Amino acid sequence: MSKKTKRHEEHEEHADESWLLPYSDLMTLLVALFLVMYAMSAADAQKFEQMSQAFSSVLNGGSGILNESSATPTQSNLDQGKGEKLDNVVADNTGESEISRLRKQEQQELEKLKKQFDQYIKNNGLTAMLNTKLNQSQLTITISDNALFASGQAFVKDDSRQLAKSISTMLQQFPDYEVLVEGHTDNVPINNFNYTSNWDLSADRALEFMKILLLNTNLDPSKFSPTGQGEYHPIADNSTAVGRAKNRRVEVSIIRKYQDAKQPDDVISTTK
């Protein structure tokens, strides 16, 4: 074999290996890519959901990534919400139970006071001039104007002042109640030296009677209010003399503190 042929064979034994370099680089990149993809797939699902909600909030006009309203509520937050609702229900039930107890106590007090008034009216022969009425809003003592005043006047008669004092003595047993003293007239116009309207007369009668009640220093004046109702709240027909006589009156009302709105405001008991 010639020398030239031998050299040619030796040259063919050394093939070109330059392609290995880009191949190794490609393998390295693929490995890195798979590692990154694996790391992403293993991320915390809850954090990914929060991040998703945060981005959604931003895209929809939210206040930002840290906006708490955009985060998914956790179980602990849900449990806390349930606990707060339960506490509110318990508090409401406790409050309603206490109000029911106080309402029952108030009913007993007003019934006791009504019995005292009724007994006083019976013992003094005043059934024609006084009566009591207890309903869902108040206990009312109605006094005919003939028992208290001269016609067209607001000055309480001397023999009627004892009536006011007796009422005040019974009221002092229950000092926490608001007391409303109202004057009422019939619809016959009045125009004398002292009064130019039934408004004026009814207001003065309520005020004068209240003043006598408050001579009892055991009563709290801040609990009392006088009001003139004039002819505008009649309880009888003004077309008859009997009806007009019933409409001329003074009412002393002890106002309930715990009124039950669910119950109709009808009469519970009355004395005539």
Protein backbone atom coordinates (compact mmCIF):
# COMPACT_ATOMS: atom_id res chain seq x y z
CA MET A 1 0.00 0.00 0.00
CA SER A 2 1.29 3.39 -0.83
CA LYS A 3 2.07 6.05 1.68
CA LYS A 4 -0.64 8.33 0.30
CA THR A 5 -3.37 5.76 0.82
CA LYS A 6 -2.34 5.13 4.41
CA ARG A 7 -2.51 8.83 5.31
CA HIS A 8 -6.02 9.09 3.84
CA GLU A 9 -7.31 6.26 6.03
CA GLU A 10 -5.81 7.81 9.16
CA HIS A 11 -7.59 11.09 8.37
CA GLU A 12 -11.03 9.39 8.12
CA GLU A 13 -10.69 7.98 11.68
CA HIS A 14 -10.95 11.53 13.15
CA ALA A 15 -14.65 12.58 12.40
CA ASP A 16 -15.92 16.16 13.00
CA GLU A 17 -17.42 16.48 16.63
CA SER A 18 -18.25 20.20 16.60
CA TRP A 19 -22.02 19.48 16.82
CA LEU A 20 -21.63 18.28 20.43
CA LEU A 21 -21.27 21.80 21.80
CA PRO A 22 -24.67 23.21 20.73
CA TYR A 23 -26.28 19.89 21.62
CA SER A 24 -25.01 20.04 25.17
CA ASP A 25 -26.18 23.65 25.46
CA LEU A 26 -29.64 22.63 24.28
CA MET A 27 -29.83 19.81 26.81
CA THR A 28 -28.80 22.18 29.56
CA LEU A 29 -31.57 24.62 28.61
CA LEU A 30 -34.15 21.84 28.50
CA VAL A 31 -33.18 20.65 31.96
CA ALA A 32 -33.45 24.20 33.31
CA LEU A 33 -36.87 24.62 31.70
CA PHE A 34 -38.20 21.41 33.23
CA LEU A 35 -36.89 22.42 36.65
CA VAL A 36 -38.68 25.77 36.43
CA MET A 37 -41.91 24.14 35.30
CA TYR A 38 -41.71 21.65 38.15
CA ALA A 39 -41.14 24.43 40.67
CA MET A 40 -44.17 26.32 39.34
CA SER A 41 -46.38 23.24 39.54
CA ALA A 42 -45.39 22.70 43.18
CA ALA A 43 -46.29 26.27 44.27
CA ASP A 44 -48.74 26.70 47.17
CA ALA A 45 -52.27 26.55 45.71
CA GLN A 46 -53.72 28.98 48.26
CA LYS A 47 -51.05 31.61 47.48
CA PHE A 48 -51.66 31.15 43.78
CA GLU A 49 -55.40 31.68 44.31
CA GLN A 50 -54.79 34.81 46.38
CA MET A 51 -52.46 36.14 43.70
CA SER A 52 -55.09 35.41 41.08
CA GLN A 53 -57.75 37.21 43.08
CA ALA A 54 -55.45 40.15 43.64
CA PHE A 55 -54.73 40.55 39.95
CA SER A 56 -58.44 40.23 39.21
CA SER A 57 -59.14 43.00 41.71
CA VAL A 58 -56.63 45.29 40.05
CA LEU A 59 -58.01 44.61 36.58
CA ASN A 60 -61.57 45.27 37.78
CA GLY A 61 -60.87 48.53 39.57
CA GLY A 62 -59.78 47.17 42.94
CA SER A 63 -57.46 49.01 45.24
CA GLY A 64 -54.44 46.76 44.74
CA ILE A 65 -52.76 43.48 45.46
CA LEU A 66 -52.95 43.98 49.20
CA ASN A 67 -56.65 44.73 49.17
CA GLU A 68 -58.08 42.36 51.79
CA SER A 69 -61.51 42.35 50.23
CA SER A 70 -60.10 40.64 47.12
CA ALA A 71 -58.57 37.74 49.05
CA THR A 72 -60.42 34.46 49.43
CA PRO A 73 -61.82 34.16 52.99
CA THR A 74 -60.11 31.52 55.05
CA GLN A 75 -61.90 28.95 57.20
CA SER A 76 -60.81 30.77 60.36
CA ASN A 77 -62.50 33.94 59.13
CA LEU A 78 -65.67 32.01 58.32
CA ASP A 79 -65.64 30.42 61.77
CA GLN A 80 -65.14 33.83 63.37
CA GLY A 81 -68.11 35.20 61.42
CA LYS A 82 -70.31 32.33 62.61
CA GLY A 83 -69.19 32.95 66.17
CA GLU A 84 -70.07 36.64 65.99
CA LYS A 85 -73.51 35.86 64.59
CA LEU A 86 -74.12 33.37 67.39
CA ASP A 87 -73.06 35.94 69.99
CA ASN A 88 -75.46 38.48 68.49
CA VAL A 89 -78.33 36.00 68.64
CA VAL A 90 -77.59 35.19 72.28
CA ALA A 91 -77.36 38.91 73.12
CA ASP A 92 -80.64 39.64 71.35
CA ASN A 93 -82.40 36.79 73.15
CA THR A 94 -81.00 37.93 76.48
CA GLY A 95 -82.12 41.50 75.85
CA GLU A 96 -85.60 40.41 74.79
CA SER A 97 -85.89 38.18 77.84
CA GLU A 98 -84.96 41.07 80.12
CA ILE A 99 -87.45 43.40 78.42
CA SER A 100 -90.17 40.78 78.82
CA ARG A 101 -89.39 40.53 82.52
CA LEU A 102 -89.49 44.32 82.93
CA ARG A 103 -92.72 44.55 80.94
CA LYS A 104 -94.33 41.95 83.20
CA GLN A 105 -93.11 43.79 86.30
CA GLU A 106 -94.49 47.06 84.94
CA GLN A 107 -97.87 45.45 84.25
CA GLN A 108 -98.04 44.28 87.85
CA GLU A 109 -97.14 47.73 89.17
CA LEU A 110 -99.75 49.50 87.06
CA GLU A 111 -102.42 46.97 87.99
CA LYS A 112 -101.60 47.54 91.64
CA LEU A 113 -101.81 51.31 91.19
CA LYS A 114 -105.11 51.01 89.34
CA LYS A 115 -106.60 48.95 92.17
CA GLN A 116 -105.59 51.64 94.64
CA PHE A 117 -107.27 54.34 92.55
CA ASP A 118 -110.38 52.22 92.10
CA GLN A 119 -110.61 51.57 95.84
CA TYR A 120 -110.18 55.29 96.58
CA ILE A 121 -112.93 56.17 94.09
CA LYS A 122 -115.27 53.59 95.60
CA ASN A 123 -114.54 54.56 99.21
CA ASN A 124 -115.19 58.25 98.53
CA GLY A 125 -118.27 57.84 96.37
CA LEU A 126 -116.62 59.36 93.31
CA THR A 127 -117.63 56.79 90.69
CA ALA A 128 -119.77 59.39 88.87
CA MET A 129 -116.84 61.81 88.52
CA LEU A 130 -113.73 59.60 88.20
CA ASN A 131 -112.75 56.45 86.34
CA THR A 132 -109.56 54.60 85.49
CA LYS A 133 -108.42 52.84 82.34
CA LEU A 134 -105.38 50.64 81.78
CA ASN A 135 -104.29 49.78 78.25
CA GLN A 136 -101.10 48.89 76.38
CA SER A 137 -99.74 52.45 76.49
CA GLN A 138 -100.77 53.95 79.82
CA LEU A 139 -102.86 54.01 82.97
CA THR A 140 -105.28 56.95 82.80
CA ILE A 141 -107.30 58.56 85.61
CA THR A 142 -110.11 60.65 84.12
CA ILE A 143 -111.63 63.37 86.32
CA SER A 144 -114.78 65.27 85.37
CA ASP A 145 -114.32 69.05 85.28
CA ASN A 146 -117.33 69.43 87.61
CA ALA A 147 -115.27 67.73 90.32
CA LEU A 148 -112.47 70.26 89.96
CA PHE A 149 -113.46 73.60 88.45
CA ALA A 150 -116.20 76.17 88.28
CA SER A 151 -117.65 76.75 84.82
CA GLY A 152 -115.21 78.57 82.55
CA GLN A 153 -112.50 78.68 85.27
CA ALA A 154 -109.17 76.92 85.86
CA PHE A 155 -108.84 77.43 89.61
CA VAL A 156 -109.20 74.09 91.43
CA LYS A 157 -112.03 74.10 93.99
CA ASP A 158 -110.96 73.99 97.61
CA ASP A 159 -112.87 70.76 98.29
CA SER A 160 -111.22 69.15 95.28
CA ARG A 161 -107.64 69.85 96.27
CA GLN A 162 -107.69 66.83 98.58
CA LEU A 163 -108.43 64.66 95.54
CA ALA A 164 -105.26 65.91 93.83
CA LYS A 165 -103.24 65.30 96.99
CA SER A 166 -104.55 61.74 97.29
CA ILE A 167 -103.63 61.04 93.69
CA SER A 168 -100.13 62.42 94.25
CA THR A 169 -99.69 60.17 97.30
CA MET A 170 -100.47 57.10 95.22
CA LEU A 171 -98.20 58.28 92.39
CA GLN A 172 -95.19 58.63 94.69
CA GLN A 173 -95.05 54.84 95.08
CA PHE A 174 -93.91 54.63 91.46
CA PRO A 175 -91.62 57.63 90.93
CA ASP A 176 -89.94 56.44 87.72
CA TYR A 177 -92.95 56.86 85.43
CA GLU A 178 -93.61 59.79 83.12
CA VAL A 179 -96.91 61.50 83.98
CA LEU A 180 -98.94 63.50 81.47
CA VAL A 181 -101.66 65.86 82.73
CA GLU A 182 -104.12 66.82 79.96
CA GLY A 183 -106.96 69.33 79.97
CA HIS A 184 -109.98 68.81 77.66
CA THR A 185 -113.09 70.89 76.92
CA ASP A 186 -116.29 70.55 74.92
CA ASN A 187 -116.75 72.33 71.60
CA VAL A 188 -118.72 75.29 72.92
CA PRO A 189 -116.67 78.43 72.20
CA ILE A 190 -115.48 80.40 75.21
CA ASN A 191 -114.77 84.11 75.29
CA ASN A 192 -114.66 85.63 78.74
CA PHE A 193 -112.42 87.98 80.68
CA ASN A 194 -109.81 85.25 81.34
CA TYR A 195 -109.90 83.08 78.21
CA THR A 196 -110.44 83.65 74.53
CA SER A 197 -110.37 80.00 73.42
CA ASN A 198 -110.82 76.45 74.67
CA TRP A 199 -107.09 75.91 74.05
CA ASP A 200 -106.24 78.43 76.75
CA LEU A 201 -108.78 77.09 79.23
CA SER A 202 -107.74 73.44 78.82
CA ALA A 203 -104.04 74.30 79.11
CA ASP A 204 -104.56 76.32 82.30
CA ARG A 205 -106.65 73.58 83.89
CA ALA A 206 -103.97 70.99 83.20
CA LEU A 207 -101.27 73.28 84.61
CA GLU A 208 -103.20 74.18 87.76
CA PHE A 209 -104.02 70.58 88.58
CA MET A 210 -100.40 69.53 88.01
CA LYS A 211 -99.18 72.22 90.38
CA ILE A 212 -101.28 70.74 93.17
CA LEU A 213 -99.93 67.26 92.44
CA LEU A 214 -96.37 68.60 92.70
CA LEU A 215 -96.98 70.09 96.13
CA ASN A 216 -95.95 66.58 97.12
CA THR A 217 -92.16 66.99 97.26
CA ASN A 218 -91.68 63.23 96.87
CA LEU A 219 -92.61 63.57 93.19
CA ASP A 220 -90.06 64.52 90.54
CA PRO A 221 -91.27 67.57 88.53
CA SER A 222 -89.13 66.51 85.56
CA LYS A 223 -91.43 63.51 85.10
CA PHE A 224 -94.56 65.68 84.71
CA SER A 225 -95.90 67.49 81.63
CA PRO A 226 -99.12 69.58 81.33
CA THR A 227 -100.94 69.74 77.98
CA GLY A 228 -104.03 71.56 76.77
CA GLN A 229 -106.00 69.56 74.19
CA GLY A 230 -108.93 71.94 73.84
CA GLU A 231 -112.02 70.43 72.20
CA TYR A 232 -110.15 68.23 69.74
CA HIS A 233 -110.09 64.87 71.56
CA PRO A 234 -113.69 64.22 72.59
CA ILE A 235 -114.76 60.94 74.18
CA ALA A 236 -118.50 61.57 73.70
CA ASP A 237 -120.92 63.31 71.37
CA ASN A 238 -120.78 67.09 71.74
CA SER A 239 -124.30 67.44 70.37
CA THR A 240 -125.84 66.53 73.76
CA ALA A 241 -125.42 68.05 77.21
CA VAL A 242 -124.42 64.67 78.65
CA GLY A 243 -121.78 64.20 75.99
CA ARG A 244 -120.35 67.71 76.46
CA ALA A 245 -120.12 67.09 80.22
CA LYS A 246 -118.06 63.94 79.59
CA ASN A 247 -115.72 65.80 77.25
CA ARG A 248 -114.92 68.47 79.87
CA ARG A 249 -112.30 66.62 81.86
CA VAL A 250 -108.73 66.35 83.15
CA GLU A 251 -106.76 63.18 82.46
CA VAL A 252 -103.73 62.08 84.47
CA SER A 253 -101.86 59.44 82.47
CA ILE A 254 -99.01 57.27 83.77
CA ILE A 255 -97.05 56.32 80.65
CA ARG A 256 -95.66 52.83 80.21
CA LYS A 257 -91.90 52.51 79.75
CA TYR A 258 -92.09 49.09 78.07
CA GLN A 259 -94.89 49.25 75.56
CA ASP A 260 -95.49 46.16 73.44
CA ALA A 261 -95.91 47.32 69.85
CA LYS A 262 -97.18 43.87 68.86
CA GLN A 263 -100.26 44.20 71.05
CA PRO A 264 -103.27 46.34 70.05
CA ASP A 265 -103.78 49.45 72.14
CA ASP A 266 -107.18 48.37 73.37
CA VAL A 267 -108.49 48.65 76.89
CA ILE A 268 -107.20 46.05 79.32
CA SER A 269 -109.38 47.11 82.23
CA THR A 270 -111.54 50.08 83.14
CA THR A 271 -113.62 51.44 85.97
CA LYS A 272 -116.58 53.76 85.56
